Amino acid sequence: MQTGILSALTDTAQAKEAEDILRACVHCGFCNATCPTYQLLGDERDGPRGRIYLIKQVLEGVDASQETQHHLDRCLTCRACETTCPSGVNYGRLLDIGRAVVDQQVRRPCLEQLKRRVLCIVLPYTQRFSLLLRVVQTFKFLMPPRLLGKIPAARQIGLPSPQNTHSRKMLVLTGCVQPALAPSINTAAARVLDRLGISLQVAPGAGCCGALSYHLSAQADGLDFMRRNIDAWLPYLDQGVEALVMTASGCGLMVKEYADIFRFDPFYADKAQRISAATRDLVEILAAEDLTPLKPDVSGTVVFQSPCTLQHGQQLGGAVETLLRNLGFDLRTAANSHLCCGSAGTYSLLQPELSQRLVQDKIAALESVQPDVIATANIGCLTHIQSNTAIPVRHWIEILDAALGA
């Protein structure tokens, strides 16, 4: 795609990055075939190719409008288009750049600003979110009907964490909302890795991966979260910790992209590169290990909902499915597994109508194979799907841990 000088950007490094991405696009339109919002709405501006044109216009100096902002907001950032694209267009990165520029030009309505600000000052902070969640769960009966389904039930803690100490050590990210919504996920991961002779540790000072703020165009806040994590984790890598384990695929994708985000930062570029290089999704860790010690007592049928951040962002589609099948699980396959469930971080809160259409389609596909349990790999997908189905939804590591017994 031909493009002119990106005069709307003042950061020359970012301008060059955006221009390189735009030039990679051959506007073939293959991306629209797998874009969830284009499939729902049929509007070129609600597909990747159209959004790329909108961003290109703004970066070349055309004034952005609320309509431009509206179509960019509708994007789930599921990145199914990146999996489909024959030219390797880094659409997700271009969208981050484009959204930031548009948000500088177009002032949002006061209510929209307030909603986004509240999300940014609550969700990334575990204590704040935990307190709000307990209050909402306690007074659930006062909530309006349209919000009842979005309030998750209290999750059980699960079995105790292992107390063994092994020579092999890895770090795990606790995250921001996961400790409140499903603390049993990291416990299950620690228990399974303990059977393989690996100890999981938590680095004090590490917290939210930064994705929520960064993708809501509060990029300065997001970068602060990232720097804090980098500073918290690096000493552990220096001490011989093997890897940074991510049990939420959304966080894993974000941390793996620290290197790209900070590549022009003179102080953090090398540090971020080390962090990203050491980051592994939990399935990558298990896939590289001898799983002979794991002898699960398998019962029932499982269908796996592969989060977009796992299959499209991290390009690990099929990894969890292969692992579970090799361990003896009866794994069912649902139709249209490449499509987003509609959770997409804060998307279900900011774009509720589209989100509900997507999750209903997803649940219809999952339920059609009549599973006993739905497995996933990301806390956002887990809570979003569970709020719309009676079938239990669990992180796949919880299902594996339960099958291994005490």
Protein backbone atom coordinates (compact mmCIF):
# COMPACT_ATOMS: atom_id res chain seq x y z
CA MET A 1 0.00 0.00 0.00
CA GLN A 2 1.42 3.40 -1.01
CA THR A 3 1.52 5.96 1.74
CA GLY A 4 2.70 9.52 2.16
CA ILE A 5 4.63 11.20 4.92
CA LEU A 6 2.98 10.53 8.25
CA SER A 7 2.81 14.18 9.25
CA ALA A 8 0.31 13.55 12.05
CA LEU A 9 2.97 11.82 14.11
CA THR A 10 5.70 13.69 15.92
CA ASP A 11 7.60 10.59 17.06
CA THR A 12 9.71 9.68 14.01
CA ALA A 13 10.40 6.14 15.23
CA GLN A 14 6.68 5.47 15.60
CA ALA A 15 6.00 7.08 12.24
CA LYS A 16 8.52 4.80 10.54
CA GLU A 17 7.01 1.77 12.28
CA ALA A 18 3.51 2.66 11.14
CA GLU A 19 4.65 3.38 7.60
CA ASP A 20 6.40 0.00 7.35
CA ILE A 21 3.22 -1.76 8.49
CA LEU A 22 1.07 0.17 6.01
CA ARG A 23 3.43 -0.62 3.14
CA ALA A 24 3.15 -4.35 3.91
CA CYS A 25 -0.62 -4.30 3.27
CA VAL A 26 -1.60 -5.22 -0.33
CA HIS A 27 -5.32 -4.56 0.43
CA CYS A 28 -6.29 -8.06 -0.76
CA GLY A 29 -9.20 -8.32 1.69
CA PHE A 30 -8.47 -11.86 2.90
CA CYS A 31 -8.57 -10.42 6.42
CA ASN A 32 -12.26 -9.57 6.16
CA ALA A 33 -13.12 -13.24 5.75
CA THR A 34 -12.09 -13.99 9.35
CA CYS A 35 -12.93 -10.67 11.01
CA PRO A 36 -15.77 -11.12 13.55
CA THR A 37 -17.08 -7.56 13.30
CA TYR A 38 -17.04 -7.56 9.51
CA GLN A 39 -18.95 -10.85 9.54
CA LEU A 40 -21.57 -9.33 11.85
CA LEU A 41 -21.88 -5.86 10.31
CA GLY A 42 -20.80 -6.21 6.68
CA ASP A 43 -19.29 -2.72 6.69
CA GLU A 44 -15.87 -2.32 5.08
CA ARG A 45 -14.95 0.17 7.81
CA ASP A 46 -15.62 -2.54 10.41
CA GLY A 47 -13.08 -4.90 8.87
CA PRO A 48 -9.27 -4.79 9.05
CA ARG A 49 -8.76 -3.49 5.51
CA GLY A 50 -11.16 -0.61 6.04
CA ARG A 51 -9.71 0.25 9.43
CA ILE A 52 -6.22 0.26 7.92
CA TYR A 53 -7.42 2.83 5.35
CA LEU A 54 -8.97 4.94 8.11
CA ILE A 55 -5.71 4.87 10.10
CA LYS A 56 -3.68 5.62 6.97
CA GLN A 57 -5.78 8.71 6.24
CA VAL A 58 -5.35 10.03 9.78
CA LEU A 59 -1.63 9.37 9.84
CA GLU A 60 -1.27 11.24 6.55
CA GLY A 61 -2.93 14.31 8.02
CA VAL A 62 -6.66 13.89 7.38
CA ASP A 63 -8.56 15.04 10.44
CA ALA A 64 -10.07 12.18 12.42
CA SER A 65 -13.78 12.18 13.22
CA GLN A 66 -16.03 10.52 15.77
CA GLU A 67 -17.00 8.12 12.97
CA THR A 68 -13.34 7.13 12.58
CA GLN A 69 -13.05 6.60 16.32
CA HIS A 70 -16.29 4.61 16.35
CA HIS A 71 -15.06 2.09 13.77
CA LEU A 72 -11.68 1.69 15.47
CA ASP A 73 -13.42 1.19 18.82
CA ARG A 74 -15.49 -1.63 17.34
CA CYS A 75 -12.35 -3.66 16.62
CA LEU A 76 -11.90 -6.52 19.10
CA THR A 77 -8.12 -6.64 18.51
CA CYS A 78 -8.64 -10.39 18.17
CA ARG A 79 -5.98 -10.44 15.43
CA ALA A 80 -7.64 -13.20 13.46
CA CYS A 81 -6.74 -11.01 10.49
CA GLU A 82 -3.05 -11.47 11.26
CA THR A 83 -3.43 -15.24 11.10
CA THR A 84 -5.17 -14.90 7.72
CA CYS A 85 -3.01 -12.17 6.19
CA PRO A 86 -0.65 -13.50 3.48
CA SER A 87 1.56 -10.42 3.79
CA GLY A 88 2.24 -10.56 7.52
CA VAL A 89 0.71 -7.16 8.30
CA ASN A 90 1.16 -6.31 11.99
CA TYR A 91 -2.37 -4.98 12.29
CA GLY A 92 -2.49 -5.03 16.10
CA ARG A 93 0.48 -2.70 16.42
CA LEU A 94 -0.87 -0.36 13.74
CA LEU A 95 -4.20 -0.22 15.55
CA ASP A 96 -2.48 0.82 18.80
CA ILE A 97 -0.69 3.63 16.99
CA GLY A 98 -3.81 4.72 15.11
CA ARG A 99 -6.09 4.69 18.13
CA ALA A 100 -3.68 6.84 20.13
CA VAL A 101 -3.49 9.45 17.36
CA VAL A 102 -7.27 9.48 16.84
CA ASP A 103 -7.92 9.83 20.57
CA GLN A 104 -5.63 12.86 20.63
CA GLN A 105 -7.76 14.51 17.95
CA VAL A 106 -11.28 13.43 18.90
CA ARG A 107 -12.69 14.12 22.33
CA ARG A 108 -15.00 11.40 23.58
CA PRO A 109 -18.38 12.16 25.18
CA CYS A 110 -18.12 12.72 28.93
CA LEU A 111 -19.82 9.43 29.82
CA GLU A 112 -17.46 7.45 27.59
CA GLN A 113 -14.46 9.19 29.14
CA LEU A 114 -15.76 8.39 32.61
CA LYS A 115 -16.33 4.69 31.79
CA ARG A 116 -12.84 4.31 30.39
CA ARG A 117 -11.27 6.18 33.26
CA VAL A 118 -13.05 4.03 35.84
CA LEU A 119 -11.90 0.87 34.07
CA CYS A 120 -8.30 2.13 34.09
CA ILE A 121 -8.28 3.06 37.77
CA VAL A 122 -9.97 -0.12 39.01
CA LEU A 123 -9.31 -3.20 36.88
CA PRO A 124 -5.47 -3.12 36.78
CA TYR A 125 -5.25 -2.94 40.58
CA THR A 126 -5.99 -6.26 42.28
CA GLN A 127 -6.99 -4.86 45.67
CA ARG A 128 -9.32 -2.26 44.19
CA PHE A 129 -10.93 -4.77 41.87
CA SER A 130 -11.29 -7.40 44.60
CA LEU A 131 -13.01 -4.90 46.89
CA LEU A 132 -15.39 -3.76 44.14
CA LEU A 133 -16.15 -7.36 43.19
CA ARG A 134 -17.03 -8.30 46.78
CA VAL A 135 -19.32 -5.28 47.09
CA VAL A 136 -21.07 -6.04 43.81
CA GLN A 137 -21.48 -9.73 44.67
CA THR A 138 -22.91 -8.83 48.08
CA PHE A 139 -25.45 -6.40 46.64
CA LYS A 140 -26.09 -8.31 43.45
CA PHE A 141 -29.83 -8.15 44.10
CA LEU A 142 -29.70 -4.38 43.58
CA MET A 143 -28.12 -4.61 40.14
CA PRO A 144 -30.21 -3.90 37.02
CA PRO A 145 -31.14 -7.05 35.05
CA ARG A 146 -28.84 -6.22 32.12
CA LEU A 147 -25.83 -6.29 34.46
CA LEU A 148 -26.68 -9.42 36.45
CA GLY A 149 -25.16 -11.79 33.93
CA LYS A 150 -21.87 -9.91 33.98
CA ILE A 151 -21.33 -10.39 37.71
CA PRO A 152 -19.28 -13.56 38.21
CA ALA A 153 -20.04 -15.92 41.05
CA ALA A 154 -17.38 -16.30 43.73
CA ARG A 155 -14.79 -18.87 42.68
CA GLN A 156 -13.46 -21.47 45.10
CA ILE A 157 -9.79 -21.34 45.99
CA GLY A 158 -9.20 -24.99 45.17
CA LEU A 159 -6.51 -27.28 46.54
CA PRO A 160 -3.48 -26.00 48.50
CA SER A 161 -0.35 -24.80 46.75
CA PRO A 162 2.64 -27.17 46.81
CA GLN A 163 5.22 -26.64 49.53
CA ASN A 164 8.12 -28.41 47.81
CA THR A 165 11.22 -26.51 46.74
CA HIS A 166 12.89 -27.55 43.50
CA SER A 167 16.15 -26.54 41.89
CA ARG A 168 14.28 -25.58 38.74
CA LYS A 169 12.39 -22.31 39.23
CA MET A 170 10.06 -20.22 37.12
CA LEU A 171 8.15 -16.99 37.72
CA VAL A 172 4.40 -16.70 37.31
CA LEU A 173 2.44 -13.51 36.73
CA THR A 174 -0.42 -13.19 39.18
CA GLY A 175 -2.11 -10.55 37.02
CA CYS A 176 -4.75 -8.05 38.08
CA VAL A 177 -8.27 -9.53 37.90
CA GLN A 178 -7.38 -13.23 37.87
CA PRO A 179 -6.42 -13.42 41.58
CA ALA A 180 -9.92 -12.19 42.48
CA LEU A 181 -11.91 -14.10 39.87
CA ALA A 182 -10.06 -17.41 39.77
CA PRO A 183 -7.09 -17.78 42.15
CA SER A 184 -7.24 -21.54 41.62
CA ILE A 185 -5.72 -21.17 38.14
CA ASN A 186 -2.22 -20.29 39.33
CA THR A 187 -2.55 -22.79 42.17
CA ALA A 188 -3.34 -25.52 39.66
CA ALA A 189 -0.38 -24.47 37.51
CA ALA A 190 1.93 -24.62 40.53
CA ARG A 191 0.63 -28.08 41.47
CA VAL A 192 1.09 -29.51 37.98
CA LEU A 193 4.58 -28.03 37.56
CA ASP A 194 5.49 -29.29 41.04
CA ARG A 195 4.91 -32.84 39.75
CA LEU A 196 7.46 -32.07 37.03
CA GLY A 197 10.07 -30.79 39.48
CA ILE A 198 9.51 -27.09 38.87
CA SER A 199 8.76 -24.45 41.51
CA LEU A 200 6.68 -21.41 40.64
CA GLN A 201 7.54 -18.09 42.26
CA VAL A 202 5.91 -14.68 42.33
CA ALA A 203 7.99 -11.51 42.06
CA PRO A 204 6.89 -8.85 44.56
CA GLY A 205 6.24 -5.60 42.75
CA ALA A 206 4.96 -7.19 39.54
CA GLY A 207 1.30 -6.66 38.70
CA CYS A 208 -0.91 -5.85 35.74
CA CYS A 209 0.77 -6.60 32.43
CA GLY A 210 -0.30 -3.17 31.14
CA ALA A 211 -2.58 -4.42 28.37
CA LEU A 212 -5.81 -2.96 29.70
CA SER A 213 -4.54 0.62 29.97
CA TYR A 214 -2.44 0.41 26.82
CA HIS A 215 -5.31 -0.77 24.64
CA LEU A 216 -7.67 1.86 26.06
CA SER A 217 -5.26 4.52 24.77
CA ALA A 218 -4.03 5.28 28.29
CA GLN A 219 -0.66 4.29 26.92
CA ALA A 220 1.44 6.20 29.44
CA ASP A 221 -0.19 4.25 32.28
CA GLY A 222 0.26 1.00 30.39
CA LEU A 223 3.95 1.69 29.85
CA ASP A 224 4.38 2.39 33.57
CA PHE A 225 2.93 -1.03 34.40
CA MET A 226 5.27 -2.65 31.89
CA ARG A 227 8.36 -0.92 33.25
CA ARG A 228 7.44 -1.94 36.79
CA ASN A 229 7.16 -5.57 35.72
CA ILE A 230 10.43 -5.49 33.82
CA ASP A 231 12.22 -4.06 36.85
CA ALA A 232 10.61 -6.65 39.15
CA TRP A 233 11.43 -9.65 36.97
CA LEU A 234 14.96 -8.96 35.73
CA PRO A 235 16.73 -9.76 39.03
CA TYR A 236 15.11 -13.21 39.01
CA LEU A 237 16.34 -13.91 35.50
CA ASP A 238 19.82 -12.87 36.65
CA GLN A 239 19.49 -15.44 39.45
CA GLY A 240 18.76 -18.29 37.05
CA VAL A 241 14.96 -18.41 36.85
CA GLU A 242 14.21 -20.33 33.67
CA ALA A 243 11.11 -18.59 32.36
CA LEU A 244 8.22 -16.25 32.98
CA VAL A 245 5.08 -18.40 32.93
CA MET A 246 1.80 -16.87 31.79
CA THR A 247 -1.45 -18.57 32.75
CA ALA A 248 -3.59 -15.91 31.05
CA SER A 249 -2.99 -15.84 27.31
CA GLY A 250 -3.89 -12.15 27.08
CA CYS A 251 -1.17 -11.23 29.56
CA GLY A 252 1.25 -13.58 27.82
CA LEU A 253 0.77 -11.88 24.49
CA MET A 254 1.26 -8.44 26.04
CA VAL A 255 4.49 -9.40 27.81
CA LYS A 256 5.84 -11.10 24.70
CA GLU A 257 5.34 -7.78 22.91
CA TYR A 258 7.25 -5.70 25.46
CA ALA A 259 10.30 -6.01 23.20
CA ASP A 260 8.48 -4.41 20.26
CA ILE A 261 6.86 -1.72 22.37
CA PHE A 262 10.16 -0.63 23.97
CA ARG A 263 12.47 -1.23 21.03
CA PHE A 264 13.11 2.50 20.60
CA ASP A 265 13.50 3.17 24.33
CA PRO A 266 17.22 3.71 25.06
CA PHE A 267 16.89 2.55 28.68
CA TYR A 268 14.39 -0.30 28.43
CA ALA A 269 14.94 -1.78 24.94
CA ASP A 270 17.45 -4.44 26.00
CA LYS A 271 15.65 -5.16 29.26
CA ALA A 272 12.33 -5.60 27.51
CA GLN A 273 13.94 -7.90 24.95
CA ARG A 274 15.20 -10.17 27.75
CA ILE A 275 11.77 -10.28 29.37
CA SER A 276 9.92 -11.06 26.15
CA ALA A 277 12.44 -13.74 25.21
CA ALA A 278 11.93 -15.45 28.58
CA THR A 279 8.12 -15.36 28.46
CA ARG A 280 6.21 -18.58 27.80
CA ASP A 281 2.55 -19.46 27.85
CA LEU A 282 1.90 -22.32 30.25
CA VAL A 283 1.18 -24.70 27.38
CA GLU A 284 4.62 -23.98 25.91
CA ILE A 285 6.20 -24.96 29.22
CA LEU A 286 4.34 -28.27 29.47
CA ALA A 287 4.82 -29.11 25.79
CA ALA A 288 8.59 -28.92 26.28
CA GLU A 289 8.62 -31.22 29.35
CA ASP A 290 8.56 -34.99 29.81
CA LEU A 291 4.97 -35.51 30.92
CA THR A 292 5.44 -39.14 31.93
CA PRO A 293 4.91 -38.29 35.64
CA LEU A 294 1.46 -36.95 34.80
CA LYS A 295 -1.14 -39.73 34.79
CA PRO A 296 -4.54 -38.04 34.75
CA ASP A 297 -7.68 -39.96 35.61
CA VAL A 298 -9.71 -38.72 32.67
CA SER A 299 -13.50 -38.69 32.62
CA GLY A 300 -16.10 -36.74 30.69
CA THR A 301 -15.78 -34.73 27.50
CA VAL A 302 -14.02 -31.41 27.01
CA VAL A 303 -14.32 -28.74 24.34
CA PHE A 304 -11.53 -26.16 24.15
CA GLN A 305 -12.28 -22.52 23.40
CA SER A 306 -9.00 -21.12 22.12
CA PRO A 307 -8.63 -17.45 23.11
CA CYS A 308 -7.71 -15.09 20.30
CA THR A 309 -4.63 -13.99 22.23
CA LEU A 310 -3.44 -17.61 22.21
CA GLN A 311 -4.22 -18.74 18.68
CA HIS A 312 -3.86 -15.48 16.75
CA GLY A 313 -1.71 -13.28 18.98
CA GLN A 314 0.80 -15.88 20.17
CA GLN A 315 0.24 -18.19 17.19
CA LEU A 316 -0.24 -21.19 19.49
CA GLY A 317 -3.41 -22.49 17.90
CA GLY A 318 -3.78 -26.22 18.49
CA ALA A 319 -1.13 -26.40 21.23
CA VAL A 320 -3.50 -26.93 24.17
CA GLU A 321 -5.69 -29.27 22.17
CA THR A 322 -2.70 -31.44 21.25
CA LEU A 323 -1.49 -31.51 24.85
CA LEU A 324 -4.85 -32.54 26.27
CA ARG A 325 -5.39 -35.22 23.64
CA ASN A 326 -1.92 -36.65 24.27
CA LEU A 327 -2.78 -36.87 27.97
CA GLY A 328 -5.89 -38.88 27.17
CA PHE A 329 -8.67 -36.30 27.36
CA ASP A 330 -11.77 -36.77 25.19
CA LEU A 331 -11.57 -33.46 23.39
CA ARG A 332 -14.41 -32.28 21.17
CA THR A 333 -14.03 -29.75 18.35
CA ALA A 334 -16.47 -26.85 17.90
CA ALA A 335 -17.22 -25.01 14.67
CA ASN A 336 -15.74 -21.59 13.91
CA SER A 337 -13.11 -21.97 16.61
CA HIS A 338 -11.13 -19.10 15.05
CA LEU A 339 -13.79 -16.52 15.94
CA CYS A 340 -13.67 -14.34 19.06
CA CYS A 341 -16.01 -14.97 21.99
CA GLY A 342 -16.55 -11.22 22.41
CA SER A 343 -14.71 -10.77 25.70
CA ALA A 344 -11.62 -9.03 24.31
CA GLY A 345 -10.45 -7.32 27.48
CA THR A 346 -12.90 -4.52 28.21
CA TYR A 347 -14.78 -4.94 24.92
CA SER A 348 -17.71 -6.73 26.59
CA LEU A 349 -18.18 -3.64 28.80
CA LEU A 350 -17.66 -0.98 26.16
CA GLN A 351 -19.35 -2.71 23.20
CA PRO A 352 -21.98 -4.87 24.94
CA GLU A 353 -24.30 -5.41 21.97
CA LEU A 354 -21.64 -6.73 19.61
CA SER A 355 -20.05 -8.67 22.44
CA GLN A 356 -23.31 -10.44 23.24
CA ARG A 357 -23.90 -11.39 19.62
CA LEU A 358 -20.44 -12.89 19.45
CA VAL A 359 -20.67 -14.82 22.71
CA GLN A 360 -24.06 -16.25 21.82
CA ASP A 361 -22.65 -17.55 18.54
CA LYS A 362 -19.64 -18.94 20.39
CA ILE A 363 -21.75 -20.68 23.03
CA ALA A 364 -24.05 -22.18 20.39
CA ALA A 365 -21.00 -23.73 18.72
CA LEU A 366 -19.50 -24.97 22.00
CA GLU A 367 -22.75 -26.41 23.34
CA SER A 368 -23.53 -28.17 20.06
CA VAL A 369 -20.81 -30.76 20.74
CA GLN A 370 -22.39 -31.52 24.15
CA PRO A 371 -19.30 -31.23 26.36
CA ASP A 372 -19.22 -31.84 30.10
CA VAL A 373 -16.89 -28.89 30.54
CA ILE A 374 -15.61 -25.98 28.45
CA ALA A 375 -11.88 -25.34 28.72
CA THR A 376 -10.11 -22.09 27.88
CA ALA A 377 -6.80 -20.34 28.53
CA ASN A 378 -7.69 -16.77 29.43
CA ILE A 379 -9.54 -15.34 32.41
CA GLY A 380 -11.52 -12.85 30.32
CA CYS A 381 -12.87 -15.54 28.01
CA LEU A 382 -13.60 -17.78 31.00
CA THR A 383 -15.76 -15.26 32.87
CA HIS A 384 -17.47 -13.97 29.73
CA ILE A 385 -18.49 -17.41 28.49
CA GLN A 386 -19.43 -18.68 31.95
CA SER A 387 -21.82 -15.76 32.43
CA ASN A 388 -23.75 -16.97 29.39
CA THR A 389 -23.86 -20.76 29.80
CA ALA A 390 -24.73 -23.34 32.45
CA ILE A 391 -21.91 -25.64 31.35
CA PRO A 392 -18.88 -25.30 33.68
CA VAL A 393 -16.06 -23.24 32.18
CA ARG A 394 -12.55 -23.82 33.51
CA HIS A 395 -8.99 -23.00 32.64
CA TRP A 396 -7.48 -26.09 31.04
CA ILE A 397 -4.81 -26.35 33.75
CA GLU A 398 -7.56 -26.59 36.40
CA ILE A 399 -9.09 -29.48 34.50
CA LEU A 400 -5.72 -31.23 34.23
CA ASP A 401 -4.92 -30.64 37.91
CA ALA A 402 -8.29 -32.05 38.96
CA ALA A 403 -7.72 -35.14 36.82
CA LEU A 404 -4.37 -35.72 38.52
CA GLY A 405 -6.02 -35.78 41.95
CA ALA A 406 -4.49 -34.89 45.29
